[in-house]
Amino acid sequence: MPGKQESAGARVLAYDVDLDVVRSRMIALCMTPRSVAEASGLKMQRVHQFFRGDFQTLATCKEIAKALSIASDTFVQPRLTSRRRGQKKK
């Protein structure tokens, strides 16, 4: 695939969420966490957990991205690792 620079043993284990991008977009749209919750169909508690970093599932990220009219990959980036089967965690 063009642009793919991963080694054969690399795989996505986790991802990083850039909350600054989400907050900037909310400011640009004059949205509060409550209005994001209403637009996304998520409960207010889930949105607060997302901003605390406690509940940042990909499903939640996609719902918030849809409410903000941006692609989820704008603020969600995969974290790659080359750990192979049988290797211990560092």
Protein backbone atom coordinates (compact mmCIF):
# COMPACT_ATOMS: atom_id res chain seq x y z
CA MET A 1 0.00 0.00 0.00
CA PRO A 2 1.34 3.47 -0.80
CA GLY A 3 2.51 5.41 2.23
CA LYS A 4 2.68 2.35 4.43
CA GLN A 5 5.98 2.45 6.33
CA GLU A 6 5.34 -0.11 9.02
CA SER A 7 7.60 -3.08 9.48
CA ALA A 8 6.15 -6.54 8.98
CA GLY A 9 5.97 -7.09 12.77
CA ALA A 10 4.36 -3.73 13.60
CA ARG A 11 0.76 -3.68 14.72
CA VAL A 12 -1.62 -1.21 16.28
CA LEU A 13 -2.03 -1.89 19.98
CA ALA A 14 -3.43 1.42 21.09
CA TYR A 15 -4.09 4.91 19.89
CA ASP A 16 -3.54 8.45 21.07
CA VAL A 17 -6.35 11.00 21.26
CA ASP A 18 -5.43 14.67 20.76
CA LEU A 19 -7.95 16.50 22.93
CA ASP A 20 -6.56 19.90 21.87
CA VAL A 21 -7.90 19.28 18.36
CA VAL A 22 -11.32 18.36 19.76
CA ARG A 23 -11.42 21.41 22.03
CA SER A 24 -10.32 23.73 19.21
CA ARG A 25 -13.09 22.42 16.98
CA MET A 26 -15.63 22.81 19.78
CA ILE A 27 -14.55 26.44 20.25
CA ALA A 28 -14.78 27.08 16.51
CA LEU A 29 -18.34 25.71 16.51
CA CYS A 30 -19.26 27.41 19.83
CA MET A 31 -20.09 24.02 21.34
CA THR A 32 -20.05 22.99 24.97
CA PRO A 33 -19.56 19.43 26.23
CA ARG A 34 -23.34 19.30 26.73
CA SER A 35 -24.02 20.29 23.12
CA VAL A 36 -21.46 17.70 21.94
CA ALA A 37 -23.27 15.07 24.01
CA GLU A 38 -26.63 16.08 22.54
CA ALA A 39 -25.32 16.18 18.95
CA SER A 40 -23.54 12.85 19.27
CA GLY A 41 -26.26 11.00 21.15
CA LEU A 42 -23.83 10.18 23.95
CA LYS A 43 -24.62 10.57 27.61
CA MET A 44 -23.09 13.57 29.35
CA GLN A 45 -21.17 11.26 31.69
CA ARG A 46 -19.50 9.55 28.71
CA VAL A 47 -18.42 12.91 27.25
CA HIS A 48 -16.90 14.00 30.58
CA GLN A 49 -15.07 10.65 30.83
CA PHE A 50 -13.77 11.15 27.28
CA PHE A 51 -12.28 14.54 28.17
CA ARG A 52 -10.75 13.11 31.37
CA GLY A 53 -9.15 10.36 29.29
CA ASP A 54 -11.01 7.58 31.07
CA PHE A 55 -13.30 6.41 28.27
CA GLN A 56 -11.75 7.08 24.89
CA THR A 57 -12.97 4.12 22.88
CA LEU A 58 -12.91 4.29 19.11
CA ALA A 59 -16.71 4.21 19.07
CA THR A 60 -16.86 7.26 21.34
CA CYS A 61 -14.25 9.05 19.23
CA LYS A 62 -16.27 8.39 16.08
CA GLU A 63 -19.49 9.70 17.64
CA ILE A 64 -17.76 12.86 18.85
CA ALA A 65 -16.10 13.34 15.46
CA LYS A 66 -19.50 13.06 13.76
CA ALA A 67 -20.97 15.66 16.14
CA LEU A 68 -18.05 18.01 15.33
CA SER A 69 -18.26 17.32 11.57
CA ILE A 70 -14.64 16.16 11.34
CA ALA A 71 -12.99 12.84 10.56
CA SER A 72 -12.02 10.82 13.64
CA ASP A 73 -8.49 10.36 12.28
CA THR A 74 -8.06 14.13 12.67
CA PHE A 75 -7.58 13.61 16.42
CA VAL A 76 -7.05 9.84 16.79
CA GLN A 77 -3.64 8.49 15.80
CA PRO A 78 -2.55 4.83 16.04
CA ARG A 79 0.37 3.98 18.27
CA LEU A 80 2.51 1.36 16.55
CA THR A 81 4.71 -1.18 18.21
CA SER A 82 7.05 -3.80 16.82
CA ARG A 83 6.74 -6.16 19.77
CA ARG A 84 6.61 -9.70 18.50
CA ARG A 85 4.93 -12.72 19.96
CA GLY A 86 6.81 -13.99 22.97
CA GLN A 87 8.58 -10.68 23.75
CA LYS A 88 8.08 -9.24 27.20
CA LYS A 89 6.69 -5.75 27.72
CA LYS A 90 9.26 -3.11 28.57
